Amino acid sequence: MIMKDSMKVFIKNFIKVLSGGVTKSISFTKSEIRVIVFISIAVTTGFCVKYYKSLSEESINSAYDFSRSDSVFREKSLKIYAGNKNGNSPDIADEKGIYKMLKASDDSVRRNEKLTADNEPPDFTVDLNTAGIEELTELPGVGEAIAARIISYRDANKRFKNINELMKVKGIGQKKFDKMKKYLKAD
């Protein structure tokens, strides 16, 4: 109640100042005062809403994973075209035809994703000659057991001369090495 009364007093004093009650140099009509008060309230409300949103927003910059919605779309598409075996489907006569089209589009998307993933610089690099178990387990396909073998090999041979020497460690073959080589260095 006190807050309401003080707000009313503030607004009355504000209007009095605007209408030239305190200083006679500037005076506004009642319509102008209403517009000024309305704009002031609107601007203040806008700033309050913007501030509140900035406090309550979660990270918007995170990438959205479309794999779930893509799989739902594929399933529904197959059901629709499987139900149209009477020839009503526009380009595809049977379920196998739509399945082949979806499979081909998936394969091309995966090829493009692989090409872009191979060309991107790594987020981190691991030096084989100084890395501990925690760093080595961040590599793709490396668990604690393989990390321990890498450290044992490094201790037995003093150091890794190059990253290709990593394939001499038991449990690391060509495929696993290919997945992790862009993250490796041997200084």
N, C-alpha and C. Protein backbone atom coordinates (compact mmCIF):
# COMPACT_ATOMS: atom_id res chain seq x y z
N MET A 1 0.81 -1.18 0.00
CA MET A 1 0.00 0.00 0.00
C MET A 1 0.86 1.26 0.00
N ILE A 2 1.93 1.24 0.81
CA ILE A 2 2.83 2.39 0.87
C ILE A 2 3.52 2.57 -0.48
N MET A 3 3.87 1.45 -1.09
CA MET A 3 4.53 1.48 -2.40
C MET A 3 3.62 2.11 -3.44
N LYS A 4 2.35 1.76 -3.41
CA LYS A 4 1.39 2.31 -4.37
C LYS A 4 1.25 3.81 -4.20
N ASP A 5 1.16 4.25 -2.93
CA ASP A 5 1.03 5.68 -2.65
C ASP A 5 2.27 6.45 -3.10
N SER A 6 3.45 5.88 -2.82
CA SER A 6 4.68 6.58 -3.22
C SER A 6 4.80 6.63 -4.75
N MET A 7 4.32 5.61 -5.43
CA MET A 7 4.35 5.60 -6.89
C MET A 7 3.41 6.67 -7.45
N LYS A 8 2.22 6.80 -6.82
CA LYS A 8 1.28 7.83 -7.25
C LYS A 8 1.87 9.22 -7.05
N VAL A 9 2.54 9.43 -5.92
CA VAL A 9 3.16 10.73 -5.64
C VAL A 9 4.25 11.02 -6.66
N PHE A 10 5.04 9.97 -6.96
CA PHE A 10 6.12 10.14 -7.95
C PHE A 10 5.55 10.54 -9.31
N ILE A 11 4.52 9.84 -9.74
CA ILE A 11 3.92 10.13 -11.06
C ILE A 11 3.32 11.54 -11.07
N LYS A 12 2.65 11.93 -9.95
CA LYS A 12 2.07 13.28 -9.89
C LYS A 12 3.17 14.35 -9.98
N ASN A 13 4.26 14.12 -9.25
CA ASN A 13 5.37 15.07 -9.30
C ASN A 13 6.02 15.10 -10.68
N PHE A 14 6.11 13.93 -11.30
CA PHE A 14 6.69 13.84 -12.64
C PHE A 14 5.82 14.62 -13.63
N ILE A 15 4.52 14.44 -13.53
CA ILE A 15 3.59 15.16 -14.41
C ILE A 15 3.66 16.66 -14.13
N LYS A 16 3.79 17.01 -12.85
CA LYS A 16 3.87 18.43 -12.48
C LYS A 16 5.11 19.07 -13.10
N VAL A 17 6.24 18.34 -13.07
CA VAL A 17 7.48 18.87 -13.69
C VAL A 17 7.29 19.01 -15.18
N LEU A 18 6.70 17.99 -15.81
CA LEU A 18 6.50 18.03 -17.26
C LEU A 18 5.53 19.13 -17.68
N SER A 19 4.55 19.38 -16.86
CA SER A 19 3.56 20.40 -17.24
C SER A 19 4.02 21.81 -16.92
N GLY A 20 5.20 21.94 -16.37
CA GLY A 20 5.75 23.27 -16.11
C GLY A 20 5.38 23.80 -14.76
N GLY A 21 4.89 22.94 -13.84
CA GLY A 21 4.51 23.39 -12.52
C GLY A 21 5.70 23.84 -11.69
N VAL A 22 6.85 23.21 -11.86
CA VAL A 22 8.03 23.58 -11.09
C VAL A 22 8.84 24.63 -11.83
N THR A 23 9.08 24.37 -13.10
CA THR A 23 9.80 25.35 -13.93
C THR A 23 8.88 25.74 -15.05
N LYS A 24 8.77 27.02 -15.31
CA LYS A 24 7.86 27.50 -16.35
C LYS A 24 8.51 27.55 -17.74
N SER A 25 9.78 27.13 -17.83
CA SER A 25 10.46 27.24 -19.13
C SER A 25 9.95 26.19 -20.12
N ILE A 26 9.60 24.98 -19.65
CA ILE A 26 9.11 23.93 -20.55
C ILE A 26 7.73 23.51 -20.05
N SER A 27 6.78 23.47 -20.92
CA SER A 27 5.46 22.99 -20.53
C SER A 27 4.90 22.12 -21.63
N PHE A 28 4.18 21.06 -21.21
CA PHE A 28 3.58 20.12 -22.14
C PHE A 28 2.08 20.11 -21.93
N THR A 29 1.36 19.74 -22.96
CA THR A 29 -0.09 19.57 -22.84
C THR A 29 -0.37 18.23 -22.18
N LYS A 30 -1.63 18.00 -21.78
CA LYS A 30 -1.99 16.74 -21.14
C LYS A 30 -1.73 15.55 -22.08
N SER A 31 -2.02 15.71 -23.35
CA SER A 31 -1.79 14.62 -24.33
C SER A 31 -0.31 14.31 -24.44
N GLU A 32 0.51 15.32 -24.48
CA GLU A 32 1.96 15.10 -24.57
C GLU A 32 2.51 14.41 -23.32
N ILE A 33 1.99 14.81 -22.18
CA ILE A 33 2.42 14.19 -20.92
C ILE A 33 2.04 12.71 -20.91
N ARG A 34 0.84 12.40 -21.35
CA ARG A 34 0.41 10.99 -21.42
C ARG A 34 1.32 10.18 -22.34
N VAL A 35 1.67 10.74 -23.48
CA VAL A 35 2.56 10.05 -24.42
C VAL A 35 3.93 9.84 -23.78
N ILE A 36 4.47 10.86 -23.13
CA ILE A 36 5.79 10.75 -22.50
C ILE A 36 5.76 9.69 -21.39
N VAL A 37 4.75 9.70 -20.57
CA VAL A 37 4.62 8.70 -19.51
C VAL A 37 4.49 7.30 -20.11
N PHE A 38 3.67 7.15 -21.15
CA PHE A 38 3.49 5.85 -21.79
C PHE A 38 4.82 5.34 -22.36
N ILE A 39 5.54 6.21 -23.07
CA ILE A 39 6.83 5.80 -23.66
C ILE A 39 7.82 5.44 -22.56
N SER A 40 7.84 6.20 -21.48
CA SER A 40 8.75 5.91 -20.36
C SER A 40 8.45 4.55 -19.76
N ILE A 41 7.17 4.27 -19.55
CA ILE A 41 6.78 2.98 -18.98
C ILE A 41 7.12 1.85 -19.95
N ALA A 42 6.86 2.06 -21.24
CA ALA A 42 7.16 1.02 -22.24
C ALA A 42 8.64 0.72 -22.31
N VAL A 43 9.48 1.75 -22.31
CA VAL A 43 10.93 1.56 -22.37
C VAL A 43 11.43 0.85 -21.11
N THR A 44 10.95 1.28 -19.96
CA THR A 44 11.35 0.65 -18.70
C THR A 44 10.93 -0.81 -18.67
N THR A 45 9.72 -1.10 -19.10
CA THR A 45 9.25 -2.48 -19.15
C THR A 45 10.10 -3.31 -20.11
N GLY A 46 10.44 -2.74 -21.26
CA GLY A 46 11.28 -3.45 -22.22
C GLY A 46 12.64 -3.81 -21.64
N PHE A 47 13.26 -2.87 -20.95
CA PHE A 47 14.56 -3.15 -20.33
C PHE A 47 14.44 -4.21 -19.24
N CYS A 48 13.35 -4.16 -18.47
CA CYS A 48 13.15 -5.17 -17.42
C CYS A 48 12.97 -6.56 -18.03
N VAL A 49 12.18 -6.65 -19.08
CA VAL A 49 11.97 -7.96 -19.74
C VAL A 49 13.27 -8.48 -20.32
N LYS A 50 14.03 -7.61 -20.97
CA LYS A 50 15.31 -8.02 -21.56
C LYS A 50 16.27 -8.50 -20.47
N TYR A 51 16.32 -7.79 -19.36
CA TYR A 51 17.20 -8.18 -18.26
C TYR A 51 16.77 -9.52 -17.68
N TYR A 52 15.47 -9.72 -17.47
CA TYR A 52 14.96 -10.97 -16.94
C TYR A 52 15.28 -12.13 -17.87
N LYS A 53 15.10 -11.93 -19.17
CA LYS A 53 15.41 -12.99 -20.14
C LYS A 53 16.89 -13.33 -20.13
N SER A 54 17.75 -12.34 -19.99
CA SER A 54 19.19 -12.61 -19.99
C SER A 54 19.58 -13.42 -18.76
N LEU A 55 18.86 -13.26 -17.66
CA LEU A 55 19.15 -14.04 -16.46
C LEU A 55 18.64 -15.47 -16.56
N SER A 56 17.51 -15.65 -17.22
CA SER A 56 16.87 -16.96 -17.24
C SER A 56 17.18 -17.80 -18.47
N GLU A 57 17.88 -17.25 -19.45
CA GLU A 57 18.16 -18.01 -20.67
C GLU A 57 19.23 -19.05 -20.44
N GLU A 58 19.02 -20.21 -21.05
CA GLU A 58 20.07 -21.21 -21.08
C GLU A 58 20.87 -20.99 -22.35
N SER A 59 21.93 -21.73 -22.50
CA SER A 59 22.80 -21.55 -23.66
C SER A 59 22.06 -21.88 -24.93
N ILE A 60 21.89 -20.88 -25.80
CA ILE A 60 21.19 -21.07 -27.07
C ILE A 60 22.17 -21.54 -28.14
N ASN A 61 23.44 -21.33 -27.91
CA ASN A 61 24.44 -21.63 -28.93
C ASN A 61 24.75 -23.11 -29.09
N SER A 62 24.15 -23.97 -28.28
CA SER A 62 24.43 -25.38 -28.42
C SER A 62 23.79 -25.92 -29.70
N ALA A 63 24.47 -26.83 -30.33
CA ALA A 63 24.00 -27.39 -31.60
C ALA A 63 22.86 -28.37 -31.33
N TYR A 64 21.85 -28.34 -32.15
CA TYR A 64 20.70 -29.23 -32.01
C TYR A 64 20.99 -30.53 -32.74
N ASP A 65 20.68 -31.63 -32.10
CA ASP A 65 20.89 -32.95 -32.70
C ASP A 65 19.62 -33.36 -33.44
N PHE A 66 19.70 -33.43 -34.77
CA PHE A 66 18.55 -33.74 -35.60
C PHE A 66 18.35 -35.25 -35.80
N SER A 67 19.21 -36.09 -35.23
CA SER A 67 19.13 -37.52 -35.51
C SER A 67 17.80 -38.12 -35.07
N ARG A 68 17.28 -37.69 -33.94
CA ARG A 68 15.99 -38.23 -33.46
C ARG A 68 14.86 -37.85 -34.41
N SER A 69 14.79 -36.58 -34.80
CA SER A 69 13.70 -36.17 -35.69
C SER A 69 13.87 -36.80 -37.08
N ASP A 70 15.10 -37.01 -37.52
CA ASP A 70 15.33 -37.68 -38.80
C ASP A 70 14.83 -39.12 -38.77
N SER A 71 15.11 -39.82 -37.67
CA SER A 71 14.66 -41.22 -37.60
C SER A 71 13.13 -41.29 -37.55
N VAL A 72 12.49 -40.36 -36.84
CA VAL A 72 11.03 -40.34 -36.81
C VAL A 72 10.48 -40.06 -38.20
N PHE A 73 11.09 -39.13 -38.93
CA PHE A 73 10.66 -38.83 -40.30
C PHE A 73 10.79 -40.06 -41.19
N ARG A 74 11.92 -40.78 -41.09
CA ARG A 74 12.11 -41.98 -41.91
C ARG A 74 11.04 -43.02 -41.62
N GLU A 75 10.78 -43.24 -40.33
CA GLU A 75 9.77 -44.24 -39.96
C GLU A 75 8.40 -43.87 -40.52
N LYS A 76 8.00 -42.63 -40.37
CA LYS A 76 6.69 -42.20 -40.87
C LYS A 76 6.62 -42.26 -42.38
N SER A 77 7.73 -41.91 -43.04
CA SER A 77 7.75 -41.99 -44.51
C SER A 77 7.58 -43.42 -44.98
N LEU A 78 8.27 -44.35 -44.33
CA LEU A 78 8.13 -45.75 -44.71
C LEU A 78 6.70 -46.24 -44.50
N LYS A 79 6.08 -45.82 -43.39
CA LYS A 79 4.70 -46.25 -43.13
C LYS A 79 3.74 -45.69 -44.18
N ILE A 80 3.94 -44.44 -44.56
CA ILE A 80 3.06 -43.80 -45.55
C ILE A 80 3.19 -44.51 -46.89
N TYR A 81 4.41 -44.70 -47.35
CA TYR A 81 4.60 -45.32 -48.66
C TYR A 81 4.30 -46.80 -48.65
N ALA A 82 4.46 -47.46 -47.50
CA ALA A 82 4.09 -48.87 -47.42
C ALA A 82 2.57 -49.01 -47.50
N GLY A 83 1.83 -48.01 -46.98
CA GLY A 83 0.38 -48.05 -47.04
C GLY A 83 -0.17 -47.73 -48.42
N ASN A 84 0.65 -47.16 -49.31
CA ASN A 84 0.21 -46.78 -50.66
C ASN A 84 0.65 -47.79 -51.71
N LYS A 85 0.51 -49.06 -51.42
CA LYS A 85 0.94 -50.08 -52.37
C LYS A 85 -0.01 -50.18 -53.57
N ASN A 86 -1.12 -49.49 -53.52
CA ASN A 86 -2.06 -49.55 -54.62
C ASN A 86 -1.70 -48.63 -55.77
N GLY A 87 -0.54 -48.01 -55.67
CA GLY A 87 -0.08 -47.19 -56.79
C GLY A 87 -0.34 -45.71 -56.62
N ASN A 88 -0.83 -45.28 -55.47
CA ASN A 88 -1.11 -43.87 -55.27
C ASN A 88 0.13 -43.05 -54.91
N SER A 89 1.23 -43.71 -54.60
CA SER A 89 2.41 -42.93 -54.25
C SER A 89 2.98 -42.28 -55.49
N PRO A 90 3.49 -41.08 -55.39
CA PRO A 90 3.87 -40.30 -56.57
C PRO A 90 4.99 -40.91 -57.40
N ASP A 91 6.09 -41.29 -56.81
CA ASP A 91 7.24 -41.76 -57.59
C ASP A 91 7.67 -43.17 -57.24
N ILE A 92 7.24 -43.68 -56.11
CA ILE A 92 7.76 -44.94 -55.62
C ILE A 92 6.62 -45.94 -55.52
N ALA A 93 6.81 -47.09 -56.09
CA ALA A 93 5.73 -48.06 -56.17
C ALA A 93 5.65 -48.96 -54.94
N ASP A 94 6.77 -49.17 -54.22
CA ASP A 94 6.73 -50.07 -53.08
C ASP A 94 7.65 -49.60 -51.96
N GLU A 95 7.56 -50.30 -50.86
CA GLU A 95 8.34 -49.95 -49.67
C GLU A 95 9.84 -50.06 -49.94
N LYS A 96 10.25 -51.00 -50.75
CA LYS A 96 11.68 -51.17 -51.04
C LYS A 96 12.24 -49.96 -51.77
N GLY A 97 11.45 -49.37 -52.64
CA GLY A 97 11.91 -48.20 -53.39
C GLY A 97 12.16 -47.01 -52.48
N ILE A 98 11.24 -46.75 -51.56
CA ILE A 98 11.44 -45.62 -50.64
C ILE A 98 12.58 -45.93 -49.69
N TYR A 99 12.68 -47.18 -49.27
CA TYR A 99 13.78 -47.55 -48.38
C TYR A 99 15.12 -47.33 -49.06
N LYS A 100 15.23 -47.69 -50.34
CA LYS A 100 16.48 -47.48 -51.08
C LYS A 100 16.80 -45.99 -51.21
N MET A 101 15.75 -45.17 -51.45
CA MET A 101 15.99 -43.73 -51.56
C MET A 101 16.47 -43.15 -50.24
N LEU A 102 15.82 -43.54 -49.14
CA LEU A 102 16.22 -43.02 -47.84
C LEU A 102 17.63 -43.49 -47.48
N LYS A 103 17.94 -44.74 -47.79
CA LYS A 103 19.28 -45.28 -47.50
C LYS A 103 20.33 -44.53 -48.30
N ALA A 104 20.06 -44.26 -49.57
CA ALA A 104 21.02 -43.54 -50.41
C ALA A 104 21.24 -42.12 -49.88
N SER A 105 20.16 -41.46 -49.45
CA SER A 105 20.33 -40.10 -48.92
C SER A 105 21.09 -40.12 -47.61
N ASP A 106 20.84 -41.13 -46.76
CA ASP A 106 21.59 -41.26 -45.51
C ASP A 106 23.07 -41.48 -45.78
N ASP A 107 23.37 -42.32 -46.76
CA ASP A 107 24.77 -42.60 -47.09
C ASP A 107 25.48 -41.35 -47.58
N SER A 108 24.80 -40.55 -48.40
CA SER A 108 25.45 -39.33 -48.90
C SER A 108 25.66 -38.33 -47.78
N VAL A 109 24.71 -38.24 -46.84
CA VAL A 109 24.87 -37.34 -45.69
C VAL A 109 26.04 -37.80 -44.84
N ARG A 110 26.15 -39.11 -44.60
CA ARG A 110 27.26 -39.62 -43.79
C ARG A 110 28.60 -39.37 -44.48
N ARG A 111 28.65 -39.53 -45.80
CA ARG A 111 29.90 -39.25 -46.53
C ARG A 111 30.29 -37.79 -46.38
N ASN A 112 29.32 -36.89 -46.52
CA ASN A 112 29.61 -35.46 -46.37
C ASN A 112 30.03 -35.12 -44.95
N GLU A 113 29.38 -35.73 -43.94
CA GLU A 113 29.77 -35.49 -42.55
C GLU A 113 31.18 -35.99 -42.30
N LYS A 114 31.53 -37.16 -42.88
CA LYS A 114 32.87 -37.70 -42.69
C LYS A 114 33.91 -36.79 -43.34
N LEU A 115 33.61 -36.29 -44.53
CA LEU A 115 34.55 -35.39 -45.19
C LEU A 115 34.78 -34.12 -44.39
N THR A 116 33.71 -33.53 -43.88
CA THR A 116 33.88 -32.30 -43.09
C THR A 116 34.56 -32.60 -41.76
N ALA A 117 34.25 -33.76 -41.15
CA ALA A 117 34.88 -34.11 -39.88
C ALA A 117 36.38 -34.35 -40.06
N ASP A 118 36.78 -34.95 -41.18
CA ASP A 118 38.20 -35.20 -41.42
C ASP A 118 38.96 -33.92 -41.70
N ASN A 119 38.31 -32.93 -42.28
CA ASN A 119 38.98 -31.68 -42.63
C ASN A 119 39.04 -30.68 -41.48
N GLU A 120 38.24 -30.89 -40.45
CA GLU A 120 38.23 -29.96 -39.33
C GLU A 120 39.46 -30.16 -38.46
N PRO A 121 40.00 -29.07 -37.92
CA PRO A 121 41.14 -29.22 -37.00
C PRO A 121 40.67 -29.84 -35.69
N PRO A 122 41.55 -30.58 -35.01
CA PRO A 122 41.14 -31.22 -33.76
C PRO A 122 40.93 -30.19 -32.65
N ASP A 123 40.05 -30.55 -31.71
CA ASP A 123 39.78 -29.68 -30.57
C ASP A 123 40.94 -29.69 -29.58
N PHE A 124 41.67 -30.79 -29.53
CA PHE A 124 42.78 -30.92 -28.60
C PHE A 124 43.83 -31.84 -29.21
N THR A 125 45.05 -31.79 -28.71
CA THR A 125 46.10 -32.72 -29.12
C THR A 125 46.73 -33.31 -27.87
N VAL A 126 47.20 -34.53 -28.02
CA VAL A 126 47.80 -35.25 -26.90
C VAL A 126 49.22 -35.61 -27.31
N ASP A 127 50.17 -35.22 -26.47
CA ASP A 127 51.57 -35.57 -26.70
C ASP A 127 51.81 -36.96 -26.11
N LEU A 128 52.15 -37.91 -26.95
CA LEU A 128 52.33 -39.29 -26.51
C LEU A 128 53.47 -39.43 -25.50
N ASN A 129 54.45 -38.54 -25.52
CA ASN A 129 55.61 -38.67 -24.65
C ASN A 129 55.41 -38.04 -23.27
N THR A 130 54.34 -37.27 -23.08
CA THR A 130 54.13 -36.64 -21.79
C THR A 130 52.74 -36.89 -21.20
N ALA A 131 51.83 -37.44 -21.96
CA ALA A 131 50.44 -37.57 -21.52
C ALA A 131 50.28 -38.62 -20.44
N GLY A 132 49.35 -38.32 -19.51
CA GLY A 132 48.99 -39.28 -18.48
C GLY A 132 47.77 -40.08 -18.91
N ILE A 133 47.30 -40.93 -18.02
CA ILE A 133 46.16 -41.79 -18.33
C ILE A 133 44.91 -40.95 -18.63
N GLU A 134 44.70 -39.86 -17.88
CA GLU A 134 43.50 -39.04 -18.08
C GLU A 134 43.46 -38.46 -19.49
N GLU A 135 44.61 -37.95 -19.95
CA GLU A 135 44.66 -37.36 -21.29
C GLU A 135 44.50 -38.41 -22.37
N LEU A 136 45.14 -39.57 -22.17
CA LEU A 136 45.07 -40.62 -23.18
C LEU A 136 43.67 -41.21 -23.32
N THR A 137 42.92 -41.25 -22.22
CA THR A 137 41.56 -41.80 -22.31
C THR A 137 40.61 -40.87 -23.03
N GLU A 138 41.00 -39.62 -23.27
CA GLU A 138 40.16 -38.71 -24.06
C GLU A 138 40.23 -39.02 -25.55
N LEU A 139 41.23 -39.79 -25.95
CA LEU A 139 41.35 -40.17 -27.37
C LEU A 139 40.25 -41.14 -27.74
N PRO A 140 39.76 -41.09 -28.98
CA PRO A 140 38.70 -42.02 -29.39
C PRO A 140 39.18 -43.46 -29.40
N GLY A 141 38.44 -44.33 -28.72
CA GLY A 141 38.76 -45.74 -28.70
C GLY A 141 39.78 -46.14 -27.65
N VAL A 142 40.20 -45.23 -26.78
CA VAL A 142 41.21 -45.54 -25.77
C VAL A 142 40.56 -45.51 -24.40
N GLY A 143 40.63 -46.66 -23.74
CA GLY A 143 40.15 -46.75 -22.36
C GLY A 143 41.35 -46.76 -21.42
N GLU A 144 41.09 -47.04 -20.15
CA GLU A 144 42.17 -47.03 -19.17
C GLU A 144 43.19 -48.13 -19.42
N ALA A 145 42.73 -49.29 -19.87
CA ALA A 145 43.65 -50.41 -20.11
C ALA A 145 44.63 -50.09 -21.24
N ILE A 146 44.11 -49.58 -22.35
CA ILE A 146 44.99 -49.24 -23.48
C ILE A 146 45.89 -48.06 -23.11
N ALA A 147 45.37 -47.10 -22.34
CA ALA A 147 46.19 -45.97 -21.90
C ALA A 147 47.35 -46.46 -21.05
N ALA A 148 47.09 -47.43 -20.18
CA ALA A 148 48.17 -48.00 -19.35
C ALA A 148 49.20 -48.72 -20.23
N ARG A 149 48.73 -49.40 -21.28
CA ARG A 149 49.68 -50.07 -22.20
C ARG A 149 50.53 -49.05 -22.95
N ILE A 150 49.93 -47.93 -23.34
CA ILE A 150 50.68 -46.88 -24.04
C ILE A 150 51.78 -46.34 -23.12
N ILE A 151 51.44 -46.09 -21.86
CA ILE A 151 52.44 -45.58 -20.92
C ILE A 151 53.52 -46.62 -20.65
N SER A 152 53.14 -47.89 -20.54
CA SER A 152 54.14 -48.96 -20.35
C SER A 152 55.08 -49.04 -21.55
N TYR A 153 54.53 -48.96 -22.76
CA TYR A 153 55.37 -48.99 -23.96
C TYR A 153 56.33 -47.79 -23.98
N ARG A 154 55.80 -46.61 -23.63
CA ARG A 154 56.63 -45.40 -23.62
C ARG A 154 57.75 -45.53 -22.59
N ASP A 155 57.45 -46.08 -21.40
CA ASP A 155 58.48 -46.25 -20.37
C ASP A 155 59.54 -47.26 -20.80
N ALA A 156 59.10 -48.33 -21.49
CA ALA A 156 60.05 -49.36 -21.91
C ALA A 156 60.95 -48.87 -23.04
N ASN A 157 60.45 -48.02 -23.92
CA ASN A 157 61.22 -47.56 -25.09
C ASN A 157 61.69 -46.11 -24.96
N LYS A 158 61.65 -45.56 -23.77
CA LYS A 158 62.08 -44.18 -23.46
C LYS A 158 61.11 -43.13 -24.00
N ARG A 159 60.68 -43.23 -25.23
CA ARG A 159 59.78 -42.23 -25.81
C ARG A 159 59.26 -42.73 -27.16
N PHE A 160 58.23 -42.07 -27.67
CA PHE A 160 57.73 -42.34 -29.01
C PHE A 160 58.49 -41.43 -29.98
N LYS A 161 59.07 -42.02 -31.01
CA LYS A 161 59.79 -41.22 -32.01
C LYS A 161 58.83 -40.52 -32.97
N ASN A 162 57.72 -41.20 -33.30
CA ASN A 162 56.66 -40.61 -34.12
C ASN A 162 55.34 -41.26 -33.74
N ILE A 163 54.26 -40.70 -34.23
CA ILE A 163 52.94 -41.19 -33.81
C ILE A 163 52.63 -42.57 -34.40
N ASN A 164 53.25 -42.93 -35.52
CA ASN A 164 53.00 -44.24 -36.13
C ASN A 164 53.48 -45.38 -35.25
N GLU A 165 54.41 -45.10 -34.37
CA GLU A 165 54.94 -46.11 -33.46
C GLU A 165 53.86 -46.58 -32.48
N LEU A 166 52.80 -45.82 -32.33
CA LEU A 166 51.70 -46.16 -31.43
C LEU A 166 51.04 -47.48 -31.83
N MET A 167 51.09 -47.83 -33.12
CA MET A 167 50.46 -49.08 -33.58
C MET A 167 51.20 -50.31 -33.08
N LYS A 168 52.37 -50.14 -32.47
CA LYS A 168 53.09 -51.27 -31.87
C LYS A 168 52.52 -51.65 -30.51
N VAL A 169 51.69 -50.79 -29.95
CA VAL A 169 51.05 -51.06 -28.67
C VAL A 169 49.90 -52.04 -28.89
N LYS A 170 49.85 -53.07 -28.02
CA LYS A 170 48.80 -54.09 -28.15
C LYS A 170 47.43 -53.45 -27.97
N GLY A 171 46.52 -53.74 -28.88
CA GLY A 171 45.16 -53.22 -28.82
C GLY A 171 44.92 -52.03 -29.73
N ILE A 172 45.97 -51.55 -30.40
CA ILE A 172 45.81 -50.43 -31.32
C ILE A 172 46.17 -50.91 -32.72
N GLY A 173 45.14 -51.02 -33.54
CA GLY A 173 45.33 -51.41 -34.93
C GLY A 173 45.20 -50.20 -35.84
N GLN A 174 45.16 -50.48 -37.13
CA GLN A 174 45.12 -49.41 -38.13
C GLN A 174 43.84 -48.58 -38.01
N LYS A 175 42.69 -49.24 -37.84
CA LYS A 175 41.42 -48.51 -37.76
C LYS A 175 41.39 -47.58 -36.55
N LYS A 176 41.77 -48.09 -35.39
CA LYS A 176 41.76 -47.28 -34.18
C LYS A 176 42.76 -46.14 -34.31
N PHE A 177 43.94 -46.44 -34.90
CA PHE A 177 44.96 -45.41 -35.08
C PHE A 177 44.45 -44.31 -36.02
N ASP A 178 43.75 -44.69 -37.09
CA ASP A 178 43.21 -43.69 -38.03
C ASP A 178 42.22 -42.75 -37.34
N LYS A 179 41.43 -43.28 -36.40
CA LYS A 179 40.46 -42.44 -35.69
C LYS A 179 41.13 -41.44 -34.77
N MET A 180 42.28 -41.81 -34.21
CA MET A 180 42.89 -40.94 -33.21
C MET A 180 44.11 -40.16 -33.70
N LYS A 181 44.60 -40.41 -34.90
CA LYS A 181 45.87 -39.81 -35.32
C LYS A 181 45.84 -38.29 -35.42
N LYS A 182 44.67 -37.70 -35.72
CA LYS A 182 44.63 -36.25 -35.83
C LYS A 182 44.75 -35.56 -34.47
N TYR A 183 44.58 -36.33 -33.40
CA TYR A 183 44.71 -35.78 -32.05
C TYR A 183 46.10 -35.99 -31.44
N LEU A 184 46.97 -36.65 -32.16
CA LEU A 184 48.25 -37.08 -31.60
C LEU A 184 49.42 -36.22 -32.06
N LYS A 185 50.42 -36.15 -31.19
CA LYS A 185 51.73 -35.60 -31.56
C LYS A 185 52.78 -36.31 -30.69
N ALA A 186 54.00 -36.32 -31.18
CA ALA A 186 55.10 -36.96 -30.44
C ALA A 186 56.30 -36.02 -30.49
N ASP A 187 56.37 -35.14 -29.50
CA ASP A 187 57.48 -34.17 -29.45
C ASP A 187 58.62 -34.69 -28.62
